[in-house]
Protein backbone atom coordinates (compact mmCIF):
# COMPACT_ATOMS: atom_id res chain seq x y z
CA MET A 1 125.34 64.99 78.03
CA ILE A 2 125.84 61.43 79.33
CA LYS A 3 122.74 61.78 81.52
CA PHE A 4 120.76 62.82 78.44
CA ILE A 5 121.97 59.78 76.45
CA THR A 6 121.30 57.32 79.27
CA GLY A 7 117.86 58.88 79.70
CA ARG A 8 117.07 58.31 76.00
CA ILE A 9 118.31 54.71 76.22
CA LYS A 10 116.04 54.11 79.22
CA ALA A 11 113.13 55.67 77.33
CA ILE A 12 113.71 53.34 74.39
CA PHE A 13 113.85 50.37 76.78
CA TYR A 14 110.54 51.37 78.40
CA SER A 15 108.84 51.86 75.03
CA ILE A 16 109.97 48.41 73.85
CA LYS A 17 108.83 46.95 77.17
CA GLY A 18 105.44 48.63 76.71
CA ALA A 19 105.07 47.27 73.17
CA PHE A 20 105.80 43.74 74.38
CA LEU A 21 103.35 44.15 77.29
CA LEU A 22 100.66 45.18 74.81
CA LEU A 23 101.40 42.22 72.54
CA LYS A 24 101.46 39.84 75.49
CA THR A 25 98.30 40.99 77.28
CA GLU A 26 95.91 42.72 74.87
CA HIS A 27 93.85 40.60 72.50
CA SER A 28 92.92 43.55 70.27
CA ILE A 29 96.59 44.40 69.67
CA GLN A 30 97.34 40.72 69.03
CA ALA A 31 94.57 40.50 66.43
CA GLN A 32 95.55 43.76 64.77
CA SER A 33 99.21 42.74 64.71
CA PHE A 34 98.28 39.45 63.08
CA ILE A 35 96.22 41.27 60.43
CA ALA A 36 99.12 43.69 59.90
CA LEU A 37 101.46 40.75 59.40
CA LEU A 38 99.10 39.29 56.78
CA PHE A 39 99.13 42.58 54.86
CA VAL A 40 102.91 42.80 55.06
CA VAL A 41 103.08 39.32 53.51
CA ALA A 42 100.49 40.40 50.92
CA GLY A 43 102.59 43.47 50.15
CA PHE A 44 105.58 41.28 49.30
CA TYR A 45 103.42 38.82 47.37
CA PHE A 46 101.77 41.50 45.23
CA GLU A 47 105.00 43.53 44.98
CA ILE A 48 103.37 46.80 45.95
CA SER A 49 105.16 50.03 45.11
CA ASP A 50 107.19 52.15 47.51
CA ILE A 51 104.34 54.66 47.86
CA GLU A 52 101.89 51.82 48.53
CA TRP A 53 104.28 50.48 51.20
CA LEU A 54 104.42 53.94 52.73
CA PHE A 55 100.65 54.17 53.01
CA GLN A 56 100.29 50.58 54.19
CA VAL A 57 102.88 51.03 56.95
CA LEU A 58 101.28 54.35 57.91
CA ALA A 59 97.87 52.68 58.18
CA ILE A 60 99.26 49.80 60.26
CA CYS A 61 101.12 52.13 62.60
CA LEU A 62 98.14 54.45 62.94
CA VAL A 63 95.84 51.60 63.99
CA LEU A 64 98.37 50.13 66.42
CA CYS A 65 99.11 53.56 67.94
CA ALA A 66 95.43 54.40 68.31
CA GLU A 67 94.71 51.01 69.89
CA SER A 68 97.67 51.42 72.25
CA LEU A 69 96.47 54.83 73.40
CA ASN A 70 92.92 53.50 73.73
CA THR A 71 94.19 50.68 75.93
CA ALA A 72 96.15 53.11 78.10
CA ILE A 73 93.10 55.35 78.52
CA GLU A 74 90.92 52.37 79.44
CA LYS A 75 93.46 51.10 82.00
CA ILE A 76 93.77 54.54 83.60
CA ALA A 77 90.00 54.99 83.67
CA ASP A 78 89.48 51.55 85.23
CA PHE A 79 92.16 52.31 87.82
CA ILE A 80 90.67 55.66 88.75
CA HIS A 81 87.07 54.48 88.81
CA PRO A 82 86.70 50.66 88.81
CA ASP A 83 82.89 50.77 89.02
CA TYR A 84 80.73 51.77 86.08
CA ASN A 85 80.44 55.52 85.64
CA ASN A 86 78.73 57.39 82.79
CA LYS A 87 81.55 59.94 82.44
CA ILE A 88 84.23 57.24 82.39
CA GLY A 89 82.14 55.30 79.87
CA PHE A 90 81.98 58.38 77.66
CA ILE A 91 85.75 58.84 77.84
CA LYS A 92 86.34 55.19 76.96
CA ASP A 93 83.88 55.37 74.05
CA VAL A 94 85.60 58.45 72.65
CA ALA A 95 88.98 56.71 72.88
CA ALA A 96 87.51 53.69 71.06
CA GLY A 97 86.18 56.09 68.43
CA ALA A 98 89.77 57.12 67.65
CA VAL A 99 90.56 53.47 66.91
CA PHE A 100 87.50 53.35 64.65
CA PHE A 101 88.76 56.35 62.63
CA ALA A 102 92.20 54.76 62.30
CA ALA A 103 90.66 51.47 61.20
CA ILE A 104 88.52 53.21 58.57
CA PHE A 105 91.66 54.93 57.21
CA ALA A 106 93.41 51.53 57.13
CA LEU A 107 90.50 49.86 55.32
CA VAL A 108 90.33 52.62 52.70
CA THR A 109 94.11 52.45 52.25
CA ILE A 110 94.05 48.67 51.86
CA TYR A 111 91.16 48.94 49.39
CA PHE A 112 93.07 51.39 47.19
CA ILE A 113 96.23 49.29 47.29
CA TYR A 114 94.78 45.82 46.73
CA SER A 115 91.56 46.35 44.75
CA VAL A 116 93.53 46.82 41.52
CA LYS A 117 95.69 43.80 42.26
CA LEU A 118 92.88 41.28 42.79
């Protein structure tokens, strides 16, 4: 039981470490985090409802998760095959497409929340 608990604590530590590494090194995550912060401030300013908060936080988390996974896929692909390769390029494009879908969801969510408030 103790081994299980210490394992979970280590896992939490590594996930926090990974989040800080992303924020420290990846410009796309930095930009998206800044935009997320702006919408959190806007949420307080416009006093959005609990349901609107739920969707806004979901959209923010979805974009950040998709971008994090995209970054991991790109780093692995670059490590495995540092030179340009059509198959690796395809994989990286598909991973970037996931970020695109998340961003579209976020934009639609933000539109529905803030269009009535402006």
